[in-house]
Amino acid sequence: MKDVAALAGVGLATVSRVINGTPVDPVLAAQVTEAAKRLGYRHDPTASSLRRSDRRTRTIGLILEDVANPFSSLLHRAVEDATSELGLLLLAGSSDEDPERERSLVETFHARRVDGLIVVSTGQVNDELQAVRRQGMPIVCVDRGAELDGVDTVTVDNAEGVGDAVRRLHALGHREIAFLGDQTSLWTAQRRWAGFVATMAALACPLREDWVRRDLHGEAAGERAAREILTGDPLPTALVTSQNLLTIGARCALQELGLHHAVAHVGFDDFELANLLSPPLSVIAQDPKALGRRASELLLSRLDGYDGPARHVVLPTRYVARGSGEIAP
């Protein structure tokens, strides 16, 4: 910084103000910027954060399930947009539903002194999250619930979303409905399964064990499970898949078996091109962008000084009827 100040013909305080975004005379700011460019100077935000009285690094950590998953990508973008508007840097990583990898990411972000964390948690590292929260770091769990002191959560109404799909299938005459579920350790998977079981019971529909597959992960697992059910006897008249990758895998099995126009299919989570299939895929849609925005708002309110009890925001789902869930039995 001394070299930049000397070349620009200004004091160190002026260089510091320009680098940290504090308004100064435009002419002086241009001189500092040009000098920094000529000298190849790069600002070190970590070093400057150590000198700040509030010890803030102006960085936020985001832990996703898998950044390659379309749902995670949209959530990521929403958080990035919300934080970048305030000049905050977002650091992101994928847990791949591995608790140890999630734990490592929490430890890494904490060691790098991020100002706060937004986490799509596996639900199996709550001890680590609680310890970090007690040390003063704000945390928001998004998409999946968490009952942790001072940790805010943003989810959708998973049970009601699945229940709505089952009721719509029932109204169309379906009584024999199969189900594919995500990993049973996940909070979302538990809530969606609970919604399916409760609604099937309320409608007096039989819950057949041979038409249920749970603890699945990924497209290939969804395809295998759907194929097992759809090559059995008798066949269900409808299928509910509770996660977007399972939905894609199940749709592949339906098409390969030539049953995509014969068996009704409703999936949880929308995805790109679902409306262009034949028939188009009916879904229980949630809004990952809204989840990301709301999680960011809660985290930023904590950073602004809110220190009240944990808040749990529940957003609604939306049933999108496109044809695959409206096939009559």
C-alpha atoms as a PDB file:
ATOM      1  CA  MET A   1       0.000   0.000   0.000  1.00  0.00           C
ATOM      2  CA  LYS A   2       2.920   2.350   0.663  1.00  0.00           C
ATOM      3  CA  ASP A   3       4.089   1.928  -2.950  1.00  0.00           C
ATOM      4  CA  VAL A   4       0.567   2.617  -4.250  1.00  0.00           C
ATOM      5  CA  ALA A   5       0.343   5.741  -2.081  1.00  0.00           C
ATOM      6  CA  ALA A   6       3.742   6.985  -3.268  1.00  0.00           C
ATOM      7  CA  LEU A   7       2.957   6.424  -6.956  1.00  0.00           C
ATOM      8  CA  ALA A   8      -0.509   8.020  -6.638  1.00  0.00           C
ATOM      9  CA  GLY A   9       0.837  10.941  -4.646  1.00  0.00           C
ATOM     10  CA  VAL A  10      -1.639  10.461  -1.796  1.00  0.00           C
ATOM     11  CA  GLY A  11      -1.518   9.350   1.811  1.00  0.00           C
ATOM     12  CA  LEU A  12      -1.961   5.789   3.089  1.00  0.00           C
ATOM     13  CA  ALA A  13      -5.347   6.706   4.550  1.00  0.00           C
ATOM     14  CA  THR A  14      -6.646   7.678   1.114  1.00  0.00           C
ATOM     15  CA  VAL A  15      -5.443   4.394  -0.397  1.00  0.00           C
ATOM     16  CA  SER A  16      -7.155   2.483   2.428  1.00  0.00           C
ATOM     17  CA  ARG A  17     -10.434   4.322   1.880  1.00  0.00           C
ATOM     18  CA  VAL A  18     -10.405   3.648  -1.860  1.00  0.00           C
ATOM     19  CA  ILE A  19      -9.593  -0.047  -1.408  1.00  0.00           C
ATOM     20  CA  ASN A  20     -12.316  -0.507   1.198  1.00  0.00           C
ATOM     21  CA  GLY A  21     -14.965   1.307  -0.827  1.00  0.00           C
ATOM     22  CA  THR A  22     -15.202   4.427   1.326  1.00  0.00           C
ATOM     23  CA  PRO A  23     -16.173   7.493  -0.750  1.00  0.00           C
ATOM     24  CA  VAL A  24     -13.283   9.845  -1.556  1.00  0.00           C
ATOM     25  CA  ASP A  25     -12.663  12.557  -4.136  1.00  0.00           C
ATOM     26  CA  PRO A  26     -13.172  10.920  -7.580  1.00  0.00           C
ATOM     27  CA  VAL A  27      -9.894  12.348  -8.883  1.00  0.00           C
ATOM     28  CA  LEU A  28      -7.953  10.852  -5.980  1.00  0.00           C
ATOM     29  CA  ALA A  29      -9.812   7.552  -6.341  1.00  0.00           C
ATOM     30  CA  ALA A  30      -8.826   7.395 -10.025  1.00  0.00           C
ATOM     31  CA  GLN A  31      -5.176   8.092  -9.131  1.00  0.00           C
ATOM     32  CA  VAL A  32      -5.157   5.288  -6.555  1.00  0.00           C
ATOM     33  CA  THR A  33      -6.881   2.840  -8.884  1.00  0.00           C
ATOM     34  CA  GLU A  34      -4.443   3.559 -11.698  1.00  0.00           C
ATOM     35  CA  ALA A  35      -1.439   3.252  -9.378  1.00  0.00           C
ATOM     36  CA  ALA A  36      -2.693  -0.065  -7.995  1.00  0.00           C
ATOM     37  CA  LYS A  37      -3.198  -1.364 -11.526  1.00  0.00           C
ATOM     38  CA  ARG A  38       0.296  -0.348 -12.635  1.00  0.00           C
ATOM     39  CA  LEU A  39       1.888  -1.965  -9.576  1.00  0.00           C
ATOM     40  CA  GLY A  40      -0.247  -5.113  -9.771  1.00  0.00           C
ATOM     41  CA  TYR A  41      -1.510  -4.519  -6.236  1.00  0.00           C
ATOM     42  CA  ARG A  42      -4.156  -6.956  -4.971  1.00  0.00           C
ATOM     43  CA  HIS A  43      -6.191  -6.255  -1.858  1.00  0.00           C
ATOM     44  CA  ASP A  44      -5.935  -8.917   0.886  1.00  0.00           C
ATOM     45  CA  PRO A  45      -9.412  -9.053   2.497  1.00  0.00           C
ATOM     46  CA  THR A  46      -8.298 -11.545   5.159  1.00  0.00           C
ATOM     47  CA  ALA A  47      -5.549  -9.251   6.395  1.00  0.00           C
ATOM     48  CA  SER A  48      -7.841  -6.227   6.444  1.00  0.00           C
ATOM     49  CA  SER A  49     -10.530  -8.148   8.318  1.00  0.00           C
ATOM     50  CA  LEU A  50      -8.056  -8.786  11.128  1.00  0.00           C
ATOM     51  CA  ARG A  51      -7.730  -5.023  11.539  1.00  0.00           C
ATOM     52  CA  ARG A  52     -11.479  -4.353  11.521  1.00  0.00           C
ATOM     53  CA  SER A  53     -13.017  -3.721  14.919  1.00  0.00           C
ATOM     54  CA  ASP A  54     -15.919  -6.088  14.176  1.00  0.00           C
ATOM     55  CA  ARG A  55     -13.574  -8.845  12.866  1.00  0.00           C
ATOM     56  CA  ARG A  56     -15.870  -9.350   9.852  1.00  0.00           C
ATOM     57  CA  THR A  57     -14.443 -10.968   6.703  1.00  0.00           C
ATOM     58  CA  ARG A  58     -17.475 -10.094   4.520  1.00  0.00           C
ATOM     59  CA  THR A  59     -17.697 -13.715   3.399  1.00  0.00           C
ATOM     60  CA  ILE A  60     -20.554 -16.201   3.715  1.00  0.00           C
ATOM     61  CA  GLY A  61     -20.281 -19.997   3.574  1.00  0.00           C
ATOM     62  CA  LEU A  62     -22.883 -22.097   1.730  1.00  0.00           C
ATOM     63  CA  ILE A  63     -23.020 -25.895   2.057  1.00  0.00           C
ATOM     64  CA  LEU A  64     -25.183 -27.598  -0.565  1.00  0.00           C
ATOM     65  CA  GLU A  65     -26.084 -31.214  -1.216  1.00  0.00           C
ATOM     66  CA  ASP A  66     -24.575 -31.142  -4.713  1.00  0.00           C
ATOM     67  CA  VAL A  67     -23.972 -27.952  -6.654  1.00  0.00           C
ATOM     68  CA  ALA A  68     -24.537 -29.935  -9.885  1.00  0.00           C
ATOM     69  CA  ASN A  69     -28.127 -30.741  -8.889  1.00  0.00           C
ATOM     70  CA  PRO A  70     -30.460 -28.223 -10.604  1.00  0.00           C
ATOM     71  CA  PHE A  71     -32.276 -27.563  -7.312  1.00  0.00           C
ATOM     72  CA  SER A  72     -28.988 -26.780  -5.551  1.00  0.00           C
ATOM     73  CA  SER A  73     -27.809 -24.600  -8.436  1.00  0.00           C
ATOM     74  CA  LEU A  74     -30.913 -22.405  -8.280  1.00  0.00           C
ATOM     75  CA  LEU A  75     -30.674 -22.117  -4.498  1.00  0.00           C
ATOM     76  CA  HIS A  76     -26.980 -21.241  -4.827  1.00  0.00           C
ATOM     77  CA  ARG A  77     -27.727 -18.480  -7.326  1.00  0.00           C
ATOM     78  CA  ALA A  78     -30.414 -16.947  -5.109  1.00  0.00           C
ATOM     79  CA  VAL A  79     -28.039 -16.765  -2.129  1.00  0.00           C
ATOM     80  CA  GLU A  80     -25.277 -15.399  -4.344  1.00  0.00           C
ATOM     81  CA  ASP A  81     -27.542 -12.653  -5.687  1.00  0.00           C
ATOM     82  CA  ALA A  82     -28.727 -11.654  -2.212  1.00  0.00           C
ATOM     83  CA  THR A  83     -25.249 -11.521  -0.694  1.00  0.00           C
ATOM     84  CA  SER A  84     -23.445  -9.933  -3.634  1.00  0.00           C
ATOM     85  CA  GLU A  85     -25.838  -6.970  -3.496  1.00  0.00           C
ATOM     86  CA  LEU A  86     -24.207  -6.145  -0.163  1.00  0.00           C
ATOM     87  CA  GLY A  87     -20.662  -6.718  -1.380  1.00  0.00           C
ATOM     88  CA  LEU A  88     -20.332 -10.076   0.397  1.00  0.00           C
ATOM     89  CA  LEU A  89     -18.321 -12.941  -1.067  1.00  0.00           C
ATOM     90  CA  LEU A  90     -19.999 -16.363  -1.180  1.00  0.00           C
ATOM     91  CA  LEU A  91     -17.951 -19.547  -0.710  1.00  0.00           C
ATOM     92  CA  ALA A  92     -19.774 -22.797  -1.541  1.00  0.00           C
ATOM     93  CA  GLY A  93     -19.158 -26.518  -1.228  1.00  0.00           C
ATOM     94  CA  SER A  94     -21.063 -29.792  -1.775  1.00  0.00           C
ATOM     95  CA  SER A  95     -21.544 -32.360   0.985  1.00  0.00           C
ATOM     96  CA  ASP A  96     -22.724 -35.116  -1.396  1.00  0.00           C
ATOM     97  CA  GLU A  97     -24.955 -36.243   1.514  1.00  0.00           C
ATOM     98  CA  ASP A  98     -21.784 -37.386   3.314  1.00  0.00           C
ATOM     99  CA  PRO A  99     -21.851 -36.306   6.996  1.00  0.00           C
ATOM    100  CA  GLU A 100     -18.061 -36.348   7.255  1.00  0.00           C
ATOM    101  CA  ARG A 101     -17.718 -34.163   4.203  1.00  0.00           C
ATOM    102  CA  GLU A 102     -20.312 -31.778   5.622  1.00  0.00           C
ATOM    103  CA  ARG A 103     -18.447 -31.707   8.936  1.00  0.00           C
ATOM    104  CA  SER A 104     -15.193 -30.948   7.117  1.00  0.00           C
ATOM    105  CA  LEU A 105     -16.843 -28.067   5.228  1.00  0.00           C
ATOM    106  CA  VAL A 106     -18.247 -26.598   8.443  1.00  0.00           C
ATOM    107  CA  GLU A 107     -14.798 -26.778  10.047  1.00  0.00           C
ATOM    108  CA  THR A 108     -13.117 -25.286   6.978  1.00  0.00           C
ATOM    109  CA  PHE A 109     -15.528 -22.367   6.673  1.00  0.00           C
ATOM    110  CA  HIS A 110     -15.267 -21.722  10.407  1.00  0.00           C
ATOM    111  CA  ALA A 111     -11.472 -21.731  10.213  1.00  0.00           C
ATOM    112  CA  ARG A 112     -11.633 -19.265   7.325  1.00  0.00           C
ATOM    113  CA  ARG A 113     -13.682 -16.967   9.558  1.00  0.00           C
ATOM    114  CA  VAL A 114     -16.766 -16.656   7.355  1.00  0.00           C
ATOM    115  CA  ASP A 115     -19.312 -14.298   8.895  1.00  0.00           C
ATOM    116  CA  GLY A 116     -22.165 -16.811   8.656  1.00  0.00           C
ATOM    117  CA  LEU A 117     -23.267 -20.162   7.238  1.00  0.00           C
ATOM    118  CA  ILE A 118     -26.231 -21.311   5.159  1.00  0.00           C
ATOM    119  CA  VAL A 119     -26.454 -25.107   5.209  1.00  0.00           C
ATOM    120  CA  VAL A 120     -28.456 -27.802   3.437  1.00  0.00           C
ATOM    121  CA  SER A 121     -27.681 -30.242   6.207  1.00  0.00           C
ATOM    122  CA  THR A 122     -27.519 -34.025   6.198  1.00  0.00           C
ATOM    123  CA  GLY A 123     -28.938 -33.820   9.722  1.00  0.00           C
ATOM    124  CA  GLN A 124     -26.035 -35.843  11.090  1.00  0.00           C
ATOM    125  CA  VAL A 125     -23.584 -33.115  12.121  1.00  0.00           C
ATOM    126  CA  ASN A 126     -25.865 -31.133  14.401  1.00  0.00           C
ATOM    127  CA  ASP A 127     -23.258 -31.261  17.174  1.00  0.00           C
ATOM    128  CA  GLU A 128     -20.754 -29.440  14.971  1.00  0.00           C
ATOM    129  CA  LEU A 129     -23.291 -26.874  13.819  1.00  0.00           C
ATOM    130  CA  GLN A 130     -24.413 -26.233  17.392  1.00  0.00           C
ATOM    131  CA  ALA A 131     -20.817 -25.804  18.569  1.00  0.00           C
ATOM    132  CA  VAL A 132     -20.078 -23.281  15.823  1.00  0.00           C
ATOM    133  CA  ARG A 133     -23.312 -21.422  16.586  1.00  0.00           C
ATOM    134  CA  ARG A 134     -22.400 -21.186  20.275  1.00  0.00           C
ATOM    135  CA  GLN A 135     -19.120 -19.599  19.286  1.00  0.00           C
ATOM    136  CA  GLY A 136     -21.101 -16.762  17.755  1.00  0.00           C
ATOM    137  CA  MET A 137     -21.426 -17.668  14.076  1.00  0.00           C
ATOM    138  CA  PRO A 138     -24.955 -17.172  12.664  1.00  0.00           C
ATOM    139  CA  ILE A 139     -26.315 -20.274  10.896  1.00  0.00           C
ATOM    140  CA  VAL A 140     -29.389 -20.840   8.756  1.00  0.00           C
ATOM    141  CA  CYS A 141     -30.449 -24.342   7.694  1.00  0.00           C
ATOM    142  CA  VAL A 142     -32.295 -24.252   4.382  1.00  0.00           C
ATOM    143  CA  ASP A 143     -34.476 -26.889   2.672  1.00  0.00           C
ATOM    144  CA  ARG A 144     -34.144 -29.201   5.684  1.00  0.00           C
ATOM    145  CA  GLY A 145     -35.282 -28.602   9.227  1.00  0.00           C
ATOM    146  CA  ALA A 146     -33.017 -28.519  12.286  1.00  0.00           C
ATOM    147  CA  GLU A 147     -33.979 -28.111  15.925  1.00  0.00           C
ATOM    148  CA  LEU A 148     -30.890 -26.282  17.147  1.00  0.00           C
ATOM    149  CA  ASP A 149     -30.663 -23.370  19.564  1.00  0.00           C
ATOM    150  CA  GLY A 150     -30.425 -20.091  17.691  1.00  0.00           C
ATOM    151  CA  VAL A 151     -30.331 -21.745  14.252  1.00  0.00           C
ATOM    152  CA  ASP A 152     -32.966 -20.442  11.828  1.00  0.00           C
ATOM    153  CA  THR A 153     -34.537 -22.738   9.224  1.00  0.00           C
ATOM    154  CA  VAL A 154     -36.319 -22.259   5.907  1.00  0.00           C
ATOM    155  CA  THR A 155     -38.205 -25.209   4.431  1.00  0.00           C
ATOM    156  CA  VAL A 156     -41.244 -25.980   2.332  1.00  0.00           C
ATOM    157  CA  ASP A 157     -44.281 -27.891   3.571  1.00  0.00           C
ATOM    158  CA  ASN A 158     -43.026 -31.257   2.373  1.00  0.00           C
ATOM    159  CA  ALA A 159     -45.738 -33.420   3.925  1.00  0.00           C
ATOM    160  CA  GLU A 160     -48.549 -31.251   2.598  1.00  0.00           C
ATOM    161  CA  GLY A 161     -46.970 -31.170  -0.878  1.00  0.00           C
ATOM    162  CA  VAL A 162     -46.954 -34.966  -1.157  1.00  0.00           C
ATOM    163  CA  GLY A 163     -50.372 -35.161   0.458  1.00  0.00           C
ATOM    164  CA  ASP A 164     -51.791 -32.800  -2.154  1.00  0.00           C
ATOM    165  CA  ALA A 165     -50.410 -34.984  -4.957  1.00  0.00           C
ATOM    166  CA  VAL A 166     -51.955 -38.133  -3.453  1.00  0.00           C
ATOM    167  CA  ARG A 167     -55.324 -36.415  -3.031  1.00  0.00           C
ATOM    168  CA  ARG A 168     -55.265 -35.298  -6.659  1.00  0.00           C
ATOM    169  CA  LEU A 169     -54.456 -38.827  -7.817  1.00  0.00           C
ATOM    170  CA  HIS A 170     -57.238 -40.190  -5.620  1.00  0.00           C
ATOM    171  CA  ALA A 171     -59.716 -37.713  -7.089  1.00  0.00           C
ATOM    172  CA  LEU A 172     -58.888 -39.110 -10.526  1.00  0.00           C
ATOM    173  CA  GLY A 173     -59.689 -42.640  -9.373  1.00  0.00           C
ATOM    174  CA  HIS A 174     -56.247 -43.900  -8.337  1.00  0.00           C
ATOM    175  CA  ARG A 175     -56.139 -46.152  -5.276  1.00  0.00           C
ATOM    176  CA  GLU A 176     -53.059 -48.251  -6.045  1.00  0.00           C
ATOM    177  CA  ILE A 177     -50.183 -45.793  -5.665  1.00  0.00           C
ATOM    178  CA  ALA A 178     -46.476 -46.629  -5.416  1.00  0.00           C
ATOM    179  CA  PHE A 179     -43.804 -44.494  -3.742  1.00  0.00           C
ATOM    180  CA  LEU A 180     -40.067 -43.914  -4.184  1.00  0.00           C
ATOM    181  CA  GLY A 181     -38.283 -42.146  -1.322  1.00  0.00           C
ATOM    182  CA  ASP A 182     -34.911 -40.491  -0.800  1.00  0.00           C
ATOM    183  CA  GLN A 183     -32.403 -41.443   1.921  1.00  0.00           C
ATOM    184  CA  THR A 184     -34.289 -42.075   5.141  1.00  0.00           C
ATOM    185  CA  SER A 185     -31.780 -40.115   7.233  1.00  0.00           C
ATOM    186  CA  LEU A 186     -32.816 -36.882   5.500  1.00  0.00           C
ATOM    187  CA  TRP A 187     -35.379 -34.605   7.125  1.00  0.00           C
ATOM    188  CA  THR A 188     -37.102 -33.896   3.809  1.00  0.00           C
ATOM    189  CA  ALA A 189     -37.380 -37.613   2.993  1.00  0.00           C
ATOM    190  CA  GLN A 190     -38.943 -38.304   6.381  1.00  0.00           C
ATOM    191  CA  ARG A 191     -41.498 -35.511   5.998  1.00  0.00           C
ATOM    192  CA  ARG A 192     -42.468 -36.528   2.452  1.00  0.00           C
ATOM    193  CA  TRP A 193     -42.892 -40.151   3.463  1.00  0.00           C
ATOM    194  CA  ALA A 194     -44.994 -39.084   6.445  1.00  0.00           C
ATOM    195  CA  GLY A 195     -47.207 -37.037   4.147  1.00  0.00           C
ATOM    196  CA  PHE A 196     -47.666 -40.005   1.813  1.00  0.00           C
ATOM    197  CA  VAL A 197     -48.521 -42.456   4.608  1.00  0.00           C
ATOM    198  CA  ALA A 198     -50.928 -40.098   6.370  1.00  0.00           C
ATOM    199  CA  THR A 199     -52.807 -39.156   3.203  1.00  0.00           C
ATOM    200  CA  MET A 200     -53.057 -42.743   1.954  1.00  0.00           C
ATOM    201  CA  ALA A 201     -54.524 -43.715   5.338  1.00  0.00           C
ATOM    202  CA  ALA A 202     -56.938 -40.777   5.361  1.00  0.00           C
ATOM    203  CA  LEU A 203     -58.199 -41.795   1.920  1.00  0.00           C
ATOM    204  CA  ALA A 204     -58.396 -45.500   2.858  1.00  0.00           C
ATOM    205  CA  CYS A 205     -55.944 -46.442   0.105  1.00  0.00           C
ATOM    206  CA  PRO A 206     -53.932 -49.648   0.639  1.00  0.00           C
ATOM    207  CA  LEU A 207     -50.234 -49.119   1.426  1.00  0.00           C
ATOM    208  CA  ARG A 208     -48.480 -52.063  -0.208  1.00  0.00           C
ATOM    209  CA  GLU A 209     -44.916 -52.759   0.899  1.00  0.00           C
ATOM    210  CA  ASP A 210     -44.003 -54.189  -2.522  1.00  0.00           C
ATOM    211  CA  TRP A 211     -44.867 -50.820  -4.078  1.00  0.00           C
ATOM    212  CA  VAL A 212     -42.619 -48.817  -1.747  1.00  0.00           C
ATOM    213  CA  ARG A 213     -38.881 -48.235  -2.121  1.00  0.00           C
ATOM    214  CA  ARG A 214     -37.065 -45.918   0.281  1.00  0.00           C
ATOM    215  CA  ASP A 215     -33.486 -44.984   1.145  1.00  0.00           C
ATOM    216  CA  LEU A 216     -32.674 -44.335  -2.521  1.00  0.00           C
ATOM    217  CA  HIS A 217     -30.045 -41.932  -3.836  1.00  0.00           C
ATOM    218  CA  GLY A 218     -29.634 -40.728  -7.413  1.00  0.00           C
ATOM    219  CA  GLU A 219     -31.092 -41.379 -10.841  1.00  0.00           C
ATOM    220  CA  ALA A 220     -29.786 -44.918 -11.226  1.00  0.00           C
ATOM    221  CA  ALA A 221     -31.294 -45.989  -7.910  1.00  0.00           C
ATOM    222  CA  GLY A 222     -34.618 -44.417  -8.878  1.00  0.00           C
ATOM    223  CA  GLU A 223     -34.625 -46.223 -12.211  1.00  0.00           C
ATOM    224  CA  ARG A 224     -33.820 -49.610 -10.638  1.00  0.00           C
ATOM    225  CA  ALA A 225     -36.473 -49.228  -7.960  1.00  0.00           C
ATOM    226  CA  ALA A 226     -39.146 -48.148 -10.431  1.00  0.00           C
ATOM    227  CA  ARG A 227     -38.280 -51.035 -12.744  1.00  0.00           C
ATOM    228  CA  GLU A 228     -38.646 -53.527  -9.877  1.00  0.00           C
ATOM    229  CA  ILE A 229     -42.103 -52.223  -9.060  1.00  0.00           C
ATOM    230  CA  LEU A 230     -43.235 -51.861 -12.677  1.00  0.00           C
ATOM    231  CA  THR A 231     -42.235 -55.384 -13.665  1.00  0.00           C
ATOM    232  CA  GLY A 232     -44.128 -56.938 -10.760  1.00  0.00           C
ATOM    233  CA  ASP A 233     -47.698 -58.203 -10.620  1.00  0.00           C
ATOM    234  CA  PRO A 234     -50.018 -56.454 -10.107  1.00  0.00           C
ATOM    235  CA  LEU A 235     -48.949 -53.022 -11.294  1.00  0.00           C
ATOM    236  CA  PRO A 236     -49.764 -49.807  -9.428  1.00  0.00           C
ATOM    237  CA  THR A 237     -51.824 -47.309 -11.399  1.00  0.00           C
ATOM    238  CA  ALA A 238     -49.791 -44.343 -10.170  1.00  0.00           C
ATOM    239  CA  LEU A 239     -46.309 -43.544  -8.884  1.00  0.00           C
ATOM    240  CA  VAL A 240     -45.132 -40.737  -6.580  1.00  0.00           C
ATOM    241  CA  THR A 241     -41.391 -39.992  -6.565  1.00  0.00           C
ATOM    242  CA  SER A 242     -40.161 -37.756  -3.768  1.00  0.00           C
ATOM    243  CA  GLN A 243     -36.992 -36.162  -5.193  1.00  0.00           C
ATOM    244  CA  ASN A 244     -36.007 -34.789  -8.595  1.00  0.00           C
ATOM    245  CA  LEU A 245     -33.235 -37.280  -9.422  1.00  0.00           C
ATOM    246  CA  LEU A 246     -35.449 -40.195  -8.383  1.00  0.00           C
ATOM    247  CA  THR A 247     -38.162 -38.722 -10.599  1.00  0.00           C
ATOM    248  CA  ILE A 248     -35.842 -38.626 -13.610  1.00  0.00           C
ATOM    249  CA  GLY A 249     -34.726 -42.212 -13.016  1.00  0.00           C
ATOM    250  CA  ALA A 250     -38.302 -43.435 -12.598  1.00  0.00           C
ATOM    251  CA  ARG A 251     -39.407 -41.673 -15.778  1.00  0.00           C
ATOM    252  CA  CYS A 252     -36.602 -43.434 -17.670  1.00  0.00           C
ATOM    253  CA  ALA A 253     -37.908 -46.791 -16.417  1.00  0.00           C
ATOM    254  CA  LEU A 254     -41.494 -45.910 -17.335  1.00  0.00           C
ATOM    255  CA  GLN A 255     -40.483 -44.974 -20.870  1.00  0.00           C
ATOM    256  CA  GLU A 256     -38.239 -47.981 -21.415  1.00  0.00           C
ATOM    257  CA  LEU A 257     -41.072 -50.256 -20.273  1.00  0.00           C
ATOM    258  CA  GLY A 258     -43.592 -48.383 -22.441  1.00  0.00           C
ATOM    259  CA  LEU A 259     -45.701 -47.460 -19.412  1.00  0.00           C
ATOM    260  CA  HIS A 260     -45.333 -43.666 -19.403  1.00  0.00           C
ATOM    261  CA  HIS A 261     -48.816 -43.246 -20.928  1.00  0.00           C
ATOM    262  CA  ALA A 262     -50.356 -45.973 -18.744  1.00  0.00           C
ATOM    263  CA  VAL A 263     -49.089 -45.289 -15.214  1.00  0.00           C
ATOM    264  CA  ALA A 264     -49.674 -41.865 -13.673  1.00  0.00           C
ATOM    265  CA  HIS A 265     -46.506 -40.241 -12.319  1.00  0.00           C
ATOM    266  CA  VAL A 266     -46.011 -37.228 -10.034  1.00  0.00           C
ATOM    267  CA  GLY A 267     -42.561 -36.085  -8.900  1.00  0.00           C
ATOM    268  CA  PHE A 268     -41.424 -33.796  -6.086  1.00  0.00           C
ATOM    269  CA  ASP A 269     -39.341 -30.884  -7.467  1.00  0.00           C
ATOM    270  CA  ASP A 270     -39.607 -29.457 -10.939  1.00  0.00           C
ATOM    271  CA  PHE A 271     -36.700 -29.643 -13.356  1.00  0.00           C
ATOM    272  CA  GLU A 272     -35.740 -28.269 -16.741  1.00  0.00           C
ATOM    273  CA  LEU A 273     -37.537 -29.763 -19.769  1.00  0.00           C
ATOM    274  CA  ALA A 274     -40.054 -31.685 -17.615  1.00  0.00           C
ATOM    275  CA  ASN A 275     -42.790 -29.862 -19.530  1.00  0.00           C
ATOM    276  CA  LEU A 276     -41.448 -31.079 -22.899  1.00  0.00           C
ATOM    277  CA  LEU A 277     -41.767 -34.828 -22.216  1.00  0.00           C
ATOM    278  CA  SER A 278     -44.651 -36.851 -23.607  1.00  0.00           C
ATOM    279  CA  PRO A 279     -46.719 -36.730 -21.547  1.00  0.00           C
ATOM    280  CA  PRO A 280     -45.281 -33.702 -19.737  1.00  0.00           C
ATOM    281  CA  LEU A 281     -44.374 -34.494 -16.145  1.00  0.00           C
ATOM    282  CA  SER A 282     -46.680 -33.342 -13.358  1.00  0.00           C
ATOM    283  CA  VAL A 283     -44.752 -32.161 -10.303  1.00  0.00           C
ATOM    284  CA  ILE A 284     -44.974 -30.910  -6.745  1.00  0.00           C
ATOM    285  CA  ALA A 285     -42.988 -27.724  -7.317  1.00  0.00           C
ATOM    286  CA  GLN A 286     -41.035 -25.827  -4.719  1.00  0.00           C
ATOM    287  CA  ASP A 287     -39.180 -22.594  -5.341  1.00  0.00           C
ATOM    288  CA  PRO A 288     -35.448 -22.982  -4.615  1.00  0.00           C
ATOM    289  CA  LYS A 289     -34.879 -19.310  -5.414  1.00  0.00           C
ATOM    290  CA  ALA A 290     -37.404 -18.282  -2.758  1.00  0.00           C
ATOM    291  CA  LEU A 291     -35.761 -20.656  -0.280  1.00  0.00           C
ATOM    292  CA  GLY A 292     -32.360 -19.115  -0.992  1.00  0.00           C
ATOM    293  CA  ARG A 293     -33.635 -15.551  -0.759  1.00  0.00           C
ATOM    294  CA  ARG A 294     -35.432 -16.170   2.531  1.00  0.00           C
ATOM    295  CA  ALA A 295     -32.446 -17.992   4.042  1.00  0.00           C
ATOM    296  CA  SER A 296     -30.222 -15.066   3.051  1.00  0.00           C
ATOM    297  CA  GLU A 297     -32.622 -12.584   4.668  1.00  0.00           C
ATOM    298  CA  LEU A 298     -32.582 -14.513   7.943  1.00  0.00           C
ATOM    299  CA  LEU A 299     -28.798 -14.765   7.964  1.00  0.00           C
ATOM    300  CA  LEU A 300     -28.329 -11.089   7.141  1.00  0.00           C
ATOM    301  CA  SER A 301     -30.720 -10.117   9.927  1.00  0.00           C
ATOM    302  CA  ARG A 302     -28.525 -12.080  12.340  1.00  0.00           C
ATOM    303  CA  LEU A 303     -25.467 -10.267  11.029  1.00  0.00           C
ATOM    304  CA  ASP A 304     -27.302  -6.980  11.534  1.00  0.00           C
ATOM    305  CA  GLY A 305     -27.777  -7.752  15.203  1.00  0.00           C
ATOM    306  CA  TYR A 306     -30.907  -9.882  15.618  1.00  0.00           C
ATOM    307  CA  ASP A 307     -30.223 -12.278  18.506  1.00  0.00           C
ATOM    308  CA  GLY A 308     -33.685 -13.648  19.221  1.00  0.00           C
ATOM    309  CA  PRO A 309     -34.964 -17.215  19.263  1.00  0.00           C
ATOM    310  CA  ALA A 310     -34.682 -19.503  16.249  1.00  0.00           C
ATOM    311  CA  ARG A 311     -37.164 -18.819  13.462  1.00  0.00           C
ATOM    312  CA  HIS A 312     -38.696 -21.469  11.190  1.00  0.00           C
ATOM    313  CA  VAL A 313     -40.094 -20.210   7.901  1.00  0.00           C
ATOM    314  CA  VAL A 314     -42.288 -22.648   5.945  1.00  0.00           C
ATOM    315  CA  LEU A 315     -42.971 -21.910   2.283  1.00  0.00           C
ATOM    316  CA  PRO A 316     -45.806 -23.583   0.336  1.00  0.00           C
ATOM    317  CA  THR A 317     -45.398 -26.011  -2.534  1.00  0.00           C
ATOM    318  CA  ARG A 318     -47.401 -25.833  -5.752  1.00  0.00           C
ATOM    319  CA  TYR A 319     -48.912 -28.725  -7.722  1.00  0.00           C
ATOM    320  CA  VAL A 320     -48.231 -28.340 -11.448  1.00  0.00           C
ATOM    321  CA  ALA A 321     -50.602 -30.507 -13.508  1.00  0.00           C
ATOM    322  CA  ARG A 322     -49.111 -31.327 -16.905  1.00  0.00           C
ATOM    323  CA  GLY A 323     -50.564 -34.692 -17.846  1.00  0.00           C
ATOM    324  CA  SER A 324     -48.446 -37.494 -16.387  1.00  0.00           C
ATOM    325  CA  GLY A 325     -50.237 -37.265 -13.043  1.00  0.00           C
ATOM    326  CA  GLU A 326     -53.639 -36.997 -14.659  1.00  0.00           C
ATOM    327  CA  ILE A 327     -53.619 -40.343 -16.490  1.00  0.00           C
ATOM    328  CA  ALA A 328     -56.832 -42.180 -15.577  1.00  0.00           C
ATOM    329  CA  PRO A 329     -56.442 -45.695 -14.147  1.00  0.00           C
END
